[in-house]
């Protein structure tokens, strides 16, 4: 499984969500490898002060978007 997270206001129609925020999340998910969680910089900023560790993956161009987005990998720690 791979996960891509973005934050923003989706457009809701009937039981579907779409729009720029949803499209960007899908593009980010497509960049992730199996077992990896990638997040846009906006998500990292929203999680500031929480117990999450992020590894900077740098600026990345996403298909269909003019401006690159800075991606971060969510780092997991084993409890023990």
PDB file of N, CA and C in Angstrom:
ATOM      1  N   UNK A   1       0.846  -1.162   0.000  1.00  0.00           N
ATOM      2  CA  UNK A   1       0.000   0.000   0.000  1.00  0.00           C
ATOM      3  C   UNK A   1       0.895   1.230   0.000  1.00  0.00           C
ATOM      4  N   UNK A   2       0.441   2.267  -0.665  1.00  0.00           N
ATOM      5  CA  UNK A   2       1.144   3.550  -0.667  1.00  0.00           C
ATOM      6  C   UNK A   2       0.120   4.645  -0.443  1.00  0.00           C
ATOM      7  N   UNK A   3       0.559   5.712   0.199  1.00  0.00           N
ATOM      8  CA  UNK A   3      -0.359   6.780   0.587  1.00  0.00           C
ATOM      9  C   UNK A   3       0.231   8.128   0.192  1.00  0.00           C
ATOM     10  N   UNK A   4      -0.617   9.016  -0.303  1.00  0.00           N
ATOM     11  CA  UNK A   4      -0.241  10.394  -0.590  1.00  0.00           C
ATOM     12  C   UNK A   4      -1.252  11.317   0.047  1.00  0.00           C
ATOM     13  N   UNK A   5      -0.760  12.288   0.820  1.00  0.00           N
ATOM     14  CA  UNK A   5      -1.651  13.210   1.528  1.00  0.00           C
ATOM     15  C   UNK A   5      -1.410  14.651   1.092  1.00  0.00           C
ATOM     16  N   UNK A   6      -2.501  15.358   0.966  1.00  0.00           N
ATOM     17  CA  UNK A   6      -2.493  16.778   0.663  1.00  0.00           C
ATOM     18  C   UNK A   6      -3.594  17.403   1.511  1.00  0.00           C
ATOM     19  N   UNK A   7      -3.572  18.688   1.671  1.00  0.00           N
ATOM     20  CA  UNK A   7      -4.623  19.386   2.416  1.00  0.00           C
ATOM     21  C   UNK A   7      -5.191  20.485   1.535  1.00  0.00           C
ATOM     22  N   UNK A   8      -6.481  20.665   1.609  1.00  0.00           N
ATOM     23  CA  UNK A   8      -7.138  21.694   0.824  1.00  0.00           C
ATOM     24  C   UNK A   8      -8.631  21.437   0.796  1.00  0.00           C
ATOM     25  N   UNK A   9      -9.335  22.317   0.151  1.00  0.00           N
ATOM     26  CA  UNK A   9     -10.789  22.243   0.084  1.00  0.00           C
ATOM     27  C   UNK A   9     -11.219  21.469  -1.159  1.00  0.00           C
ATOM     28  N   UNK A  10     -11.779  20.273  -0.990  1.00  0.00           N
ATOM     29  CA  UNK A  10     -12.265  19.531  -2.156  1.00  0.00           C
ATOM     30  C   UNK A  10     -13.615  20.073  -2.614  1.00  0.00           C
ATOM     31  N   UNK A  11     -13.979  19.735  -3.813  1.00  0.00           N
ATOM     32  CA  UNK A  11     -15.295  20.057  -4.348  1.00  0.00           C
ATOM     33  C   UNK A  11     -16.154  18.809  -4.176  1.00  0.00           C
ATOM     34  N   UNK A  12     -17.294  18.959  -3.531  1.00  0.00           N
ATOM     35  CA  UNK A  12     -18.191  17.823  -3.297  1.00  0.00           C
ATOM     36  C   UNK A  12     -19.368  17.896  -4.259  1.00  0.00           C
ATOM     37  N   UNK A  13     -19.642  16.766  -4.878  1.00  0.00           N
ATOM     38  CA  UNK A  13     -20.803  16.665  -5.761  1.00  0.00           C
ATOM     39  C   UNK A  13     -21.385  15.265  -5.592  1.00  0.00           C
ATOM     40  N   UNK A  14     -22.634  15.214  -5.180  1.00  0.00           N
ATOM     41  CA  UNK A  14     -23.271  13.946  -4.849  1.00  0.00           C
ATOM     42  C   UNK A  14     -22.422  13.261  -3.773  1.00  0.00           C
ATOM     43  N   UNK A  15     -21.930  12.066  -4.056  1.00  0.00           N
ATOM     44  CA  UNK A  15     -21.109  11.344  -3.082  1.00  0.00           C
ATOM     45  C   UNK A  15     -19.648  11.292  -3.514  1.00  0.00           C
ATOM     46  N   UNK A  16     -19.221  12.253  -4.337  1.00  0.00           N
ATOM     47  CA  UNK A  16     -17.870  12.257  -4.877  1.00  0.00           C
ATOM     48  C   UNK A  16     -17.141  13.529  -4.466  1.00  0.00           C
ATOM     49  N   UNK A  17     -15.829  13.425  -4.318  1.00  0.00           N
ATOM     50  CA  UNK A  17     -14.974  14.576  -4.052  1.00  0.00           C
ATOM     51  C   UNK A  17     -13.990  14.703  -5.202  1.00  0.00           C
ATOM     52  N   UNK A  18     -13.741  15.924  -5.648  1.00  0.00           N
ATOM     53  CA  UNK A  18     -12.782  16.147  -6.713  1.00  0.00           C
ATOM     54  C   UNK A  18     -12.219  17.545  -6.580  1.00  0.00           C
ATOM     55  N   UNK A  19     -11.392  17.950  -7.504  1.00  0.00           N
ATOM     56  CA  UNK A  19     -10.797  19.276  -7.488  1.00  0.00           C
ATOM     57  C   UNK A  19      -9.290  19.213  -7.306  1.00  0.00           C
ATOM     58  N   UNK A  20      -8.672  20.380  -7.227  1.00  0.00           N
ATOM     59  CA  UNK A  20      -7.222  20.494  -7.155  1.00  0.00           C
ATOM     60  C   UNK A  20      -6.630  19.747  -5.966  1.00  0.00           C
ATOM     61  N   UNK A  21      -7.215  19.891  -4.784  1.00  0.00           N
ATOM     62  CA  UNK A  21      -6.672  19.230  -3.587  1.00  0.00           C
ATOM     63  C   UNK A  21      -6.684  17.715  -3.738  1.00  0.00           C
ATOM     64  N   UNK A  22      -7.743  17.180  -4.289  1.00  0.00           N
ATOM     65  CA  UNK A  22      -7.871  15.731  -4.475  1.00  0.00           C
ATOM     66  C   UNK A  22      -6.916  15.254  -5.568  1.00  0.00           C
ATOM     67  N   UNK A  23      -6.827  15.985  -6.659  1.00  0.00           N
ATOM     68  CA  UNK A  23      -5.918  15.612  -7.748  1.00  0.00           C
ATOM     69  C   UNK A  23      -4.467  15.622  -7.291  1.00  0.00           C
ATOM     70  N   UNK A  24      -4.089  16.628  -6.508  1.00  0.00           N
ATOM     71  CA  UNK A  24      -2.711  16.701  -6.011  1.00  0.00           C
ATOM     72  C   UNK A  24      -2.421  15.510  -5.097  1.00  0.00           C
ATOM     73  N   UNK A  25      -3.362  15.143  -4.230  1.00  0.00           N
ATOM     74  CA  UNK A  25      -3.171  13.982  -3.344  1.00  0.00           C
ATOM     75  C   UNK A  25      -2.980  12.708  -4.168  1.00  0.00           C
ATOM     76  N   UNK A  26      -3.746  12.553  -5.234  1.00  0.00           N
ATOM     77  CA  UNK A  26      -3.609  11.371  -6.090  1.00  0.00           C
ATOM     78  C   UNK A  26      -2.242  11.334  -6.767  1.00  0.00           C
ATOM     79  N   UNK A  27      -1.757  12.478  -7.223  1.00  0.00           N
ATOM     80  CA  UNK A  27      -0.432  12.546  -7.859  1.00  0.00           C
ATOM     81  C   UNK A  27       0.668  12.221  -6.846  1.00  0.00           C
ATOM     82  N   UNK A  28       0.504  12.712  -5.621  1.00  0.00           N
ATOM     83  CA  UNK A  28       1.489  12.428  -4.564  1.00  0.00           C
ATOM     84  C   UNK A  28       1.482  10.933  -4.247  1.00  0.00           C
ATOM     85  N   UNK A  29       0.313  10.325  -4.149  1.00  0.00           N
ATOM     86  CA  UNK A  29       0.217   8.888  -3.884  1.00  0.00           C
ATOM     87  C   UNK A  29       0.917   8.095  -4.980  1.00  0.00           C
ATOM     88  N   UNK A  30       0.797   8.545  -6.211  1.00  0.00           N
ATOM     89  CA  UNK A  30       1.434   7.845  -7.329  1.00  0.00           C
ATOM     90  C   UNK A  30       2.963   7.912  -7.240  1.00  0.00           C
ATOM     91  N   UNK A  31       3.497   8.906  -6.551  1.00  0.00           N
ATOM     92  CA  UNK A  31       4.945   9.045  -6.383  1.00  0.00           C
ATOM     93  C   UNK A  31       5.483   8.127  -5.287  1.00  0.00           C
ATOM     94  N   UNK A  32       4.626   7.702  -4.373  1.00  0.00           N
ATOM     95  CA  UNK A  32       5.054   6.886  -3.231  1.00  0.00           C
ATOM     96  C   UNK A  32       5.388   5.465  -3.668  1.00  0.00           C
ATOM     97  N   UNK A  33       6.314   4.855  -2.948  1.00  0.00           N
ATOM     98  CA  UNK A  33       6.660   3.452  -3.134  1.00  0.00           C
ATOM     99  C   UNK A  33       5.776   2.620  -2.208  1.00  0.00           C
ATOM    100  N   UNK A  34       5.758   1.304  -2.395  1.00  0.00           N
ATOM    101  CA  UNK A  34       4.995   0.429  -1.518  1.00  0.00           C
ATOM    102  C   UNK A  34       5.408   0.600  -0.062  1.00  0.00           C
ATOM    103  N   UNK A  35       4.445   0.724   0.837  1.00  0.00           N
ATOM    104  CA  UNK A  35       4.716   0.889   2.256  1.00  0.00           C
ATOM    105  C   UNK A  35       5.148   2.287   2.651  1.00  0.00           C
ATOM    106  N   UNK A  36       5.014   3.238   1.751  1.00  0.00           N
ATOM    107  CA  UNK A  36       5.497   4.601   1.997  1.00  0.00           C
ATOM    108  C   UNK A  36       4.326   5.581   2.082  1.00  0.00           C
ATOM    109  N   UNK A  37       4.480   6.575   2.950  1.00  0.00           N
ATOM    110  CA  UNK A  37       3.509   7.660   3.063  1.00  0.00           C
ATOM    111  C   UNK A  37       4.229   8.948   2.686  1.00  0.00           C
ATOM    112  N   UNK A  38       3.749   9.601   1.635  1.00  0.00           N
ATOM    113  CA  UNK A  38       4.287  10.898   1.224  1.00  0.00           C
ATOM    114  C   UNK A  38       3.240  11.968   1.494  1.00  0.00           C
ATOM    115  N   UNK A  39       3.707  13.118   1.959  1.00  0.00           N
ATOM    116  CA  UNK A  39       2.800  14.227   2.247  1.00  0.00           C
ATOM    117  C   UNK A  39       3.325  15.500   1.606  1.00  0.00           C
ATOM    118  N   UNK A  40       2.397  16.377   1.245  1.00  0.00           N
ATOM    119  CA  UNK A  40       2.751  17.703   0.749  1.00  0.00           C
ATOM    120  C   UNK A  40       3.215  18.560   1.926  1.00  0.00           C
ATOM    121  N   UNK A  41       3.989  19.585   1.615  1.00  0.00           N
ATOM    122  CA  UNK A  41       4.503  20.480   2.646  1.00  0.00           C
ATOM    123  C   UNK A  41       3.388  21.027   3.544  1.00  0.00           C
ATOM    124  N   UNK A  42       2.225  21.313   2.980  1.00  0.00           N
ATOM    125  CA  UNK A  42       1.125  21.864   3.763  1.00  0.00           C
ATOM    126  C   UNK A  42       0.699  20.889   4.866  1.00  0.00           C
ATOM    127  N   UNK A  43       0.748  19.599   4.596  1.00  0.00           N
ATOM    128  CA  UNK A  43       0.401  18.600   5.607  1.00  0.00           C
ATOM    129  C   UNK A  43       1.461  18.578   6.700  1.00  0.00           C
ATOM    130  N   UNK A  44       2.724  18.629   6.305  1.00  0.00           N
ATOM    131  CA  UNK A  44       3.810  18.680   7.290  1.00  0.00           C
ATOM    132  C   UNK A  44       3.660  19.897   8.199  1.00  0.00           C
ATOM    133  N   UNK A  45       3.323  21.029   7.631  1.00  0.00           N
ATOM    134  CA  UNK A  45       3.137  22.234   8.421  1.00  0.00           C
ATOM    135  C   UNK A  45       1.951  22.103   9.382  1.00  0.00           C
ATOM    136  N   UNK A  46       0.876  21.488   8.940  1.00  0.00           N
ATOM    137  CA  UNK A  46      -0.283  21.288   9.807  1.00  0.00           C
ATOM    138  C   UNK A  46       0.022  20.329  10.957  1.00  0.00           C
ATOM    139  N   UNK A  47       0.975  19.425  10.768  1.00  0.00           N
ATOM    140  CA  UNK A  47       1.342  18.449  11.797  1.00  0.00           C
ATOM    141  C   UNK A  47       2.462  18.948  12.703  1.00  0.00           C
ATOM    142  N   UNK A  48       2.903  20.187  12.507  1.00  0.00           N
ATOM    143  CA  UNK A  48       3.995  20.732  13.311  1.00  0.00           C
ATOM    144  C   UNK A  48       3.649  20.675  14.803  1.00  0.00           C
ATOM    145  N   UNK A  49       4.608  20.240  15.608  1.00  0.00           N
ATOM    146  CA  UNK A  49       4.405  20.135  17.041  1.00  0.00           C
ATOM    147  C   UNK A  49       3.843  18.792  17.483  1.00  0.00           C
ATOM    148  N   UNK A  50       3.510  17.957  16.537  1.00  0.00           N
ATOM    149  CA  UNK A  50       3.026  16.607  16.840  1.00  0.00           C
ATOM    150  C   UNK A  50       4.225  15.654  16.815  1.00  0.00           C
ATOM    151  N   UNK A  51       4.022  14.424  17.188  1.00  0.00           N
ATOM    152  CA  UNK A  51       5.121  13.462  17.238  1.00  0.00           C
ATOM    153  C   UNK A  51       5.314  12.711  15.931  1.00  0.00           C
ATOM    154  N   UNK A  52       5.416  13.457  14.832  1.00  0.00           N
ATOM    155  CA  UNK A  52       5.678  12.855  13.531  1.00  0.00           C
ATOM    156  C   UNK A  52       7.070  13.259  13.075  1.00  0.00           C
ATOM    157  N   UNK A  53       7.756  12.343  12.434  1.00  0.00           N
ATOM    158  CA  UNK A  53       9.057  12.626  11.845  1.00  0.00           C
ATOM    159  C   UNK A  53       8.915  12.607  10.335  1.00  0.00           C
ATOM    160  N   UNK A  54       9.517  13.582   9.685  1.00  0.00           N
ATOM    161  CA  UNK A  54       9.413  13.707   8.235  1.00  0.00           C
ATOM    162  C   UNK A  54      10.796  13.755   7.606  1.00  0.00           C
ATOM    163  N   UNK A  55      10.941  13.080   6.494  1.00  0.00           N
ATOM    164  CA  UNK A  55      12.155  13.163   5.699  1.00  0.00           C
ATOM    165  C   UNK A  55      11.871  13.957   4.438  1.00  0.00           C
ATOM    166  N   UNK A  56      12.660  14.993   4.207  1.00  0.00           N
ATOM    167  CA  UNK A  56      12.464  15.880   3.060  1.00  0.00           C
ATOM    168  C   UNK A  56      12.822  15.162   1.766  1.00  0.00           C
ATOM    169  N   UNK A  57      11.891  15.084   0.849  1.00  0.00           N
ATOM    170  CA  UNK A  57      12.112  14.453  -0.453  1.00  0.00           C
ATOM    171  C   UNK A  57      12.353  15.498  -1.546  1.00  0.00           C
ATOM    172  N   UNK A  58      12.304  16.774  -1.188  1.00  0.00           N
ATOM    173  CA  UNK A  58      12.612  17.839  -2.126  1.00  0.00           C
ATOM    174  C   UNK A  58      11.417  18.273  -2.964  1.00  0.00           C
ATOM    175  N   UNK A  59      11.684  19.250  -3.823  1.00  0.00           N
ATOM    176  CA  UNK A  59      10.673  19.788  -4.733  1.00  0.00           C
ATOM    177  C   UNK A  59      10.413  18.783  -5.845  1.00  0.00           C
ATOM    178  N   UNK A  60       9.156  18.544  -6.144  1.00  0.00           N
ATOM    179  CA  UNK A  60       8.780  17.564  -7.151  1.00  0.00           C
ATOM    180  C   UNK A  60       7.721  18.144  -8.073  1.00  0.00           C
ATOM    181  N   UNK A  61       7.925  17.972  -9.366  1.00  0.00           N
ATOM    182  CA  UNK A  61       6.914  18.383 -10.343  1.00  0.00           C
ATOM    183  C   UNK A  61       5.840  17.310 -10.406  1.00  0.00           C
ATOM    184  N   UNK A  62       4.592  17.729 -10.366  1.00  0.00           N
ATOM    185  CA  UNK A  62       3.464  16.814 -10.460  1.00  0.00           C
ATOM    186  C   UNK A  62       2.722  17.072 -11.759  1.00  0.00           C
ATOM    187  N   UNK A  63       2.371  16.009 -12.454  1.00  0.00           N
ATOM    188  CA  UNK A  63       1.665  16.114 -13.733  1.00  0.00           C
ATOM    189  C   UNK A  63       0.371  16.924 -13.550  1.00  0.00           C
ATOM    190  N   UNK A  64       0.186  17.902 -14.433  1.00  0.00           N
ATOM    191  CA  UNK A  64      -1.023  18.716 -14.407  1.00  0.00           C
ATOM    192  C   UNK A  64      -0.944  19.947 -13.525  1.00  0.00           C
ATOM    193  N   UNK A  65       0.211  20.168 -12.868  1.00  0.00           N
ATOM    194  CA  UNK A  65       0.377  21.321 -11.991  1.00  0.00           C
ATOM    195  C   UNK A  65       1.584  22.132 -12.450  1.00  0.00           C
ATOM    196  N   UNK A  66       1.430  23.452 -12.483  1.00  0.00           N
ATOM    197  CA  UNK A  66       2.504  24.327 -12.934  1.00  0.00           C
ATOM    198  C   UNK A  66       3.646  24.405 -11.933  1.00  0.00           C
ATOM    199  N   UNK A  67       3.312  24.523 -10.649  1.00  0.00           N
ATOM    200  CA  UNK A  67       4.328  24.710  -9.623  1.00  0.00           C
ATOM    201  C   UNK A  67       4.687  23.386  -8.951  1.00  0.00           C
ATOM    202  N   UNK A  68       5.984  23.180  -8.686  1.00  0.00           N
ATOM    203  CA  UNK A  68       6.370  21.964  -7.974  1.00  0.00           C
ATOM    204  C   UNK A  68       5.890  22.018  -6.523  1.00  0.00           C
ATOM    205  N   UNK A  69       5.824  20.859  -5.898  1.00  0.00           N
ATOM    206  CA  UNK A  69       5.423  20.766  -4.493  1.00  0.00           C
ATOM    207  C   UNK A  69       6.558  20.086  -3.735  1.00  0.00           C
ATOM    208  N   UNK A  70       6.835  20.550  -2.516  1.00  0.00           N
ATOM    209  CA  UNK A  70       7.841  19.903  -1.683  1.00  0.00           C
ATOM    210  C   UNK A  70       7.181  18.730  -0.980  1.00  0.00           C
ATOM    211  N   UNK A  71       7.764  17.547  -1.166  1.00  0.00           N
ATOM    212  CA  UNK A  71       7.224  16.337  -0.573  1.00  0.00           C
ATOM    213  C   UNK A  71       8.064  15.897   0.619  1.00  0.00           C
ATOM    214  N   UNK A  72       7.393  15.267   1.571  1.00  0.00           N
ATOM    215  CA  UNK A  72       8.045  14.715   2.751  1.00  0.00           C
ATOM    216  C   UNK A  72       7.561  13.289   2.954  1.00  0.00           C
ATOM    217  N   UNK A  73       8.485  12.410   3.344  1.00  0.00           N
ATOM    218  CA  UNK A  73       8.133  11.046   3.700  1.00  0.00           C
ATOM    219  C   UNK A  73       7.876  10.996   5.199  1.00  0.00           C
ATOM    220  N   UNK A  74       6.786  10.369   5.590  1.00  0.00           N
ATOM    221  CA  UNK A  74       6.510  10.179   7.019  1.00  0.00           C
ATOM    222  C   UNK A  74       7.383   9.028   7.488  1.00  0.00           C
ATOM    223  N   UNK A  75       8.225   9.300   8.498  1.00  0.00           N
ATOM    224  CA  UNK A  75       9.128   8.294   9.059  1.00  0.00           C
ATOM    225  C   UNK A  75       8.456   7.641  10.263  1.00  0.00           C
ATOM    226  N   UNK A  76       8.468   6.322  10.285  1.00  0.00           N
ATOM    227  CA  UNK A  76       7.845   5.576  11.378  1.00  0.00           C
ATOM    228  C   UNK A  76       8.920   5.043  12.301  1.00  0.00           C
ATOM    229  N   UNK A  77       8.650   5.062  13.597  1.00  0.00           N
ATOM    230  CA  UNK A  77       9.564   4.495  14.584  1.00  0.00           C
ATOM    231  C   UNK A  77       8.899   3.319  15.245  1.00  0.00           C
ATOM    232  N   UNK A  78       9.643   2.256  15.426  1.00  0.00           N
ATOM    233  CA  UNK A  78       9.151   1.092  16.146  1.00  0.00           C
ATOM    234  C   UNK A  78       9.070   1.417  17.629  1.00  0.00           C
ATOM    235  N   UNK A  79       7.951   1.065  18.257  1.00  0.00           N
ATOM    236  CA  UNK A  79       7.838   1.228  19.697  1.00  0.00           C
ATOM    237  C   UNK A  79       8.500   0.042  20.369  1.00  0.00           C
ATOM    238  N   UNK A  80       9.125   0.294  21.495  1.00  0.00           N
ATOM    239  CA  UNK A  80       9.725  -0.843  22.147  1.00  0.00           C
ATOM    240  C   UNK A  80      10.661  -0.531  23.186  1.00  0.00           C
TER     241      UNK A  80
END
